[in-house]
Amino acid sequence: MMMTAVACRDAGLQFAGVHDSFWTHACDVDQMNRILREKFVELYSMPILEDLLESFQKSYPALTFPPLPKRGDFNLREVLESPYFFN
């Protein structure tokens, strides 16, 4: 949500949100939806789980953590064209 809010601000859009509900003026909804999809792809292109595991291993060296799940073959960029990604 934060990445989307910052990108909307940078694009000059008004933005409000609570949990999984995002709002802007009706005339800006299409632009906000595009930004939301772009930020989702950006976020999930990062090695989030890998970074979290590395942080835990550094913070708790005496613990053993299970291996991370293998990544699937879903192309995140498909989200950019998905009409039902976020409503």
N, C-alpha and C. Protein backbone atom coordinates (compact mmCIF):
# COMPACT_ATOMS: atom_id res chain seq x y z
N MET A 1 0.82 -1.19 0.00
CA MET A 1 0.00 0.00 0.00
C MET A 1 0.87 1.25 0.00
N MET A 2 1.96 1.23 0.78
CA MET A 2 2.80 2.43 0.88
C MET A 2 3.41 2.77 -0.48
N MET A 3 3.88 1.76 -1.20
CA MET A 3 4.47 2.03 -2.51
C MET A 3 3.44 2.65 -3.45
N THR A 4 2.22 2.16 -3.40
CA THR A 4 1.14 2.70 -4.24
C THR A 4 0.80 4.12 -3.82
N ALA A 5 0.70 4.37 -2.52
CA ALA A 5 0.38 5.70 -2.02
C ALA A 5 1.43 6.72 -2.45
N VAL A 6 2.70 6.36 -2.32
CA VAL A 6 3.78 7.28 -2.70
C VAL A 6 3.76 7.54 -4.20
N ALA A 7 3.56 6.48 -4.99
CA ALA A 7 3.52 6.65 -6.45
C ALA A 7 2.32 7.50 -6.87
N CYS A 8 1.19 7.33 -6.21
CA CYS A 8 0.02 8.17 -6.51
C CYS A 8 0.31 9.63 -6.18
N ARG A 9 0.91 9.85 -5.02
CA ARG A 9 1.27 11.22 -4.64
C ARG A 9 2.21 11.82 -5.69
N ASP A 10 3.22 11.05 -6.09
CA ASP A 10 4.18 11.55 -7.07
C ASP A 10 3.53 11.85 -8.41
N ALA A 11 2.44 11.13 -8.72
CA ALA A 11 1.71 11.35 -9.97
C ALA A 11 0.66 12.46 -9.84
N GLY A 12 0.54 13.03 -8.63
CA GLY A 12 -0.41 14.12 -8.41
C GLY A 12 -1.82 13.65 -8.11
N LEU A 13 -1.99 12.39 -7.74
CA LEU A 13 -3.31 11.86 -7.42
C LEU A 13 -3.57 11.97 -5.92
N GLN A 14 -4.83 12.20 -5.58
CA GLN A 14 -5.26 12.09 -4.19
C GLN A 14 -5.40 10.60 -3.90
N PHE A 15 -5.00 10.18 -2.70
CA PHE A 15 -5.05 8.76 -2.37
C PHE A 15 -5.45 8.59 -0.92
N ALA A 16 -6.30 7.61 -0.67
CA ALA A 16 -6.62 7.18 0.69
C ALA A 16 -6.77 5.67 0.66
N GLY A 17 -6.51 5.05 1.78
CA GLY A 17 -6.65 3.60 1.80
C GLY A 17 -6.74 3.06 3.21
N VAL A 18 -7.42 1.94 3.34
CA VAL A 18 -7.51 1.20 4.59
C VAL A 18 -7.42 -0.27 4.23
N HIS A 19 -6.45 -0.96 4.81
CA HIS A 19 -6.23 -2.39 4.57
C HIS A 19 -6.13 -2.66 3.07
N ASP A 20 -7.14 -3.29 2.48
CA ASP A 20 -7.08 -3.62 1.06
C ASP A 20 -8.07 -2.79 0.24
N SER A 21 -8.42 -1.62 0.75
CA SER A 21 -9.34 -0.74 0.05
C SER A 21 -8.63 0.57 -0.26
N PHE A 22 -8.50 0.88 -1.55
CA PHE A 22 -7.79 2.09 -1.98
C PHE A 22 -8.79 3.01 -2.65
N TRP A 23 -8.63 4.32 -2.42
CA TRP A 23 -9.56 5.30 -2.98
C TRP A 23 -8.80 6.44 -3.64
N THR A 24 -9.42 6.97 -4.67
CA THR A 24 -8.99 8.21 -5.30
C THR A 24 -10.23 8.81 -5.96
N HIS A 25 -10.07 9.97 -6.57
CA HIS A 25 -11.20 10.56 -7.28
C HIS A 25 -11.57 9.68 -8.47
N ALA A 26 -12.84 9.64 -8.81
CA ALA A 26 -13.33 8.78 -9.89
C ALA A 26 -12.57 8.99 -11.19
N CYS A 27 -12.22 10.23 -11.48
CA CYS A 27 -11.52 10.51 -12.73
C CYS A 27 -10.09 9.96 -12.74
N ASP A 28 -9.57 9.56 -11.58
CA ASP A 28 -8.19 9.06 -11.48
C ASP A 28 -8.10 7.56 -11.20
N VAL A 29 -9.23 6.88 -11.17
CA VAL A 29 -9.23 5.45 -10.81
C VAL A 29 -8.40 4.63 -11.78
N ASP A 30 -8.52 4.87 -13.08
CA ASP A 30 -7.74 4.08 -14.04
C ASP A 30 -6.25 4.26 -13.83
N GLN A 31 -5.83 5.49 -13.58
CA GLN A 31 -4.41 5.75 -13.34
C GLN A 31 -3.95 5.09 -12.03
N MET A 32 -4.77 5.18 -10.98
CA MET A 32 -4.41 4.53 -9.71
C MET A 32 -4.31 3.01 -9.90
N ASN A 33 -5.24 2.43 -10.65
CA ASN A 33 -5.19 0.99 -10.89
C ASN A 33 -3.93 0.58 -11.64
N ARG A 34 -3.50 1.39 -12.60
CA ARG A 34 -2.25 1.10 -13.31
C ARG A 34 -1.08 1.16 -12.35
N ILE A 35 -1.04 2.20 -11.53
CA ILE A 35 0.04 2.36 -10.55
C ILE A 35 0.05 1.18 -9.58
N LEU A 36 -1.12 0.79 -9.10
CA LEU A 36 -1.24 -0.33 -8.16
C LEU A 36 -0.65 -1.60 -8.77
N ARG A 37 -0.98 -1.90 -9.99
CA ARG A 37 -0.45 -3.09 -10.66
C ARG A 37 1.06 -3.01 -10.81
N GLU A 38 1.55 -1.85 -11.23
CA GLU A 38 3.00 -1.68 -11.39
C GLU A 38 3.73 -1.88 -10.07
N LYS A 39 3.19 -1.34 -8.99
CA LYS A 39 3.84 -1.47 -7.68
C LYS A 39 3.76 -2.90 -7.15
N PHE A 40 2.69 -3.61 -7.45
CA PHE A 40 2.59 -5.01 -7.07
C PHE A 40 3.70 -5.81 -7.75
N VAL A 41 3.87 -5.61 -9.05
CA VAL A 41 4.92 -6.31 -9.79
C VAL A 41 6.29 -5.95 -9.23
N GLU A 42 6.50 -4.67 -8.97
CA GLU A 42 7.79 -4.23 -8.40
C GLU A 42 8.05 -4.90 -7.05
N LEU A 43 7.05 -4.90 -6.18
CA LEU A 43 7.22 -5.48 -4.84
C LEU A 43 7.53 -6.97 -4.91
N TYR A 44 6.74 -7.71 -5.68
CA TYR A 44 6.91 -9.16 -5.69
C TYR A 44 8.02 -9.63 -6.63
N SER A 45 8.68 -8.70 -7.29
CA SER A 45 9.89 -9.04 -8.04
C SER A 45 11.11 -9.02 -7.12
N MET A 46 10.95 -8.46 -5.94
CA MET A 46 12.04 -8.41 -4.96
C MET A 46 12.11 -9.75 -4.22
N PRO A 47 13.29 -10.10 -3.73
CA PRO A 47 13.44 -11.37 -2.99
C PRO A 47 12.98 -11.24 -1.53
N ILE A 48 11.70 -11.03 -1.33
CA ILE A 48 11.16 -10.76 0.00
C ILE A 48 11.43 -11.90 0.98
N LEU A 49 11.07 -13.11 0.60
CA LEU A 49 11.27 -14.23 1.51
C LEU A 49 12.75 -14.50 1.76
N GLU A 50 13.55 -14.37 0.73
CA GLU A 50 14.99 -14.58 0.88
C GLU A 50 15.58 -13.57 1.85
N ASP A 51 15.17 -12.32 1.71
CA ASP A 51 15.66 -11.27 2.61
C ASP A 51 15.19 -11.50 4.05
N LEU A 52 13.95 -11.93 4.20
CA LEU A 52 13.41 -12.21 5.53
C LEU A 52 14.17 -13.37 6.18
N LEU A 53 14.41 -14.43 5.43
CA LEU A 53 15.15 -15.57 5.96
C LEU A 53 16.56 -15.15 6.36
N GLU A 54 17.22 -14.38 5.52
CA GLU A 54 18.58 -13.91 5.84
C GLU A 54 18.58 -13.08 7.13
N SER A 55 17.59 -12.23 7.28
CA SER A 55 17.47 -11.41 8.49
C SER A 55 17.27 -12.28 9.73
N PHE A 56 16.39 -13.26 9.61
CA PHE A 56 16.15 -14.17 10.74
C PHE A 56 17.41 -14.97 11.08
N GLN A 57 18.12 -15.43 10.07
CA GLN A 57 19.33 -16.22 10.31
C GLN A 57 20.39 -15.39 11.02
N LYS A 58 20.47 -14.11 10.67
CA LYS A 58 21.43 -13.23 11.35
C LYS A 58 20.99 -12.92 12.78
N SER A 59 19.70 -12.73 12.97
CA SER A 59 19.18 -12.38 14.29
C SER A 59 19.12 -13.57 15.25
N TYR A 60 18.92 -14.75 14.69
CA TYR A 60 18.75 -15.96 15.51
C TYR A 60 19.66 -17.08 14.99
N PRO A 61 20.97 -16.90 15.10
CA PRO A 61 21.90 -17.88 14.51
C PRO A 61 21.80 -19.29 15.11
N ALA A 62 21.27 -19.43 16.30
CA ALA A 62 21.16 -20.76 16.92
C ALA A 62 19.97 -21.56 16.38
N LEU A 63 19.08 -20.91 15.67
CA LEU A 63 17.89 -21.59 15.16
C LEU A 63 18.12 -22.10 13.74
N THR A 64 17.42 -23.15 13.41
CA THR A 64 17.44 -23.69 12.05
C THR A 64 16.08 -23.39 11.43
N PHE A 65 16.10 -22.84 10.24
CA PHE A 65 14.87 -22.46 9.56
C PHE A 65 14.60 -23.41 8.39
N PRO A 66 13.35 -23.67 8.10
CA PRO A 66 13.04 -24.55 6.97
C PRO A 66 13.42 -23.87 5.66
N PRO A 67 13.65 -24.67 4.63
CA PRO A 67 13.97 -24.07 3.33
C PRO A 67 12.77 -23.29 2.78
N LEU A 68 13.08 -22.32 1.98
CA LEU A 68 12.01 -21.52 1.35
C LEU A 68 11.31 -22.35 0.29
N PRO A 69 10.04 -22.07 0.06
CA PRO A 69 9.36 -22.77 -1.04
C PRO A 69 9.95 -22.35 -2.38
N LYS A 70 9.91 -23.25 -3.34
CA LYS A 70 10.41 -22.92 -4.68
C LYS A 70 9.44 -21.97 -5.36
N ARG A 71 10.01 -21.07 -6.13
CA ARG A 71 9.17 -20.14 -6.89
C ARG A 71 8.49 -20.90 -8.02
N GLY A 72 7.26 -20.49 -8.27
CA GLY A 72 6.52 -21.08 -9.38
C GLY A 72 6.90 -20.40 -10.69
N ASP A 73 6.14 -20.65 -11.72
CA ASP A 73 6.46 -20.09 -13.03
C ASP A 73 5.49 -18.99 -13.46
N PHE A 74 4.70 -18.49 -12.51
CA PHE A 74 3.76 -17.41 -12.85
C PHE A 74 4.53 -16.17 -13.28
N ASN A 75 4.14 -15.59 -14.38
CA ASN A 75 4.74 -14.36 -14.88
C ASN A 75 4.03 -13.18 -14.22
N LEU A 76 4.72 -12.54 -13.27
CA LEU A 76 4.12 -11.42 -12.55
C LEU A 76 3.62 -10.32 -13.47
N ARG A 77 4.24 -10.15 -14.61
CA ARG A 77 3.85 -9.07 -15.51
C ARG A 77 2.43 -9.26 -16.06
N GLU A 78 1.89 -10.48 -15.94
CA GLU A 78 0.51 -10.71 -16.37
C GLU A 78 -0.47 -9.88 -15.54
N VAL A 79 -0.07 -9.55 -14.33
CA VAL A 79 -0.91 -8.72 -13.45
C VAL A 79 -1.20 -7.37 -14.10
N LEU A 80 -0.26 -6.87 -14.88
CA LEU A 80 -0.43 -5.55 -15.50
C LEU A 80 -1.64 -5.51 -16.43
N GLU A 81 -2.01 -6.66 -16.98
CA GLU A 81 -3.13 -6.73 -17.92
C GLU A 81 -4.37 -7.38 -17.33
N SER A 82 -4.33 -7.73 -16.06
CA SER A 82 -5.45 -8.45 -15.44
C SER A 82 -6.56 -7.48 -15.02
N PRO A 83 -7.74 -7.59 -15.63
CA PRO A 83 -8.82 -6.65 -15.27
C PRO A 83 -9.37 -6.89 -13.87
N TYR A 84 -9.19 -8.08 -13.32
CA TYR A 84 -9.77 -8.41 -12.02
C TYR A 84 -8.71 -8.52 -10.92
N PHE A 85 -7.51 -8.03 -11.18
CA PHE A 85 -6.45 -8.10 -10.18
C PHE A 85 -6.85 -7.40 -8.89
N PHE A 86 -7.42 -6.24 -9.00
CA PHE A 86 -7.80 -5.44 -7.83
C PHE A 86 -9.06 -4.68 -8.19
N ASN A 87 -10.04 -4.73 -7.34
CA ASN A 87 -11.31 -4.07 -7.62
C ASN A 87 -11.71 -3.17 -6.49
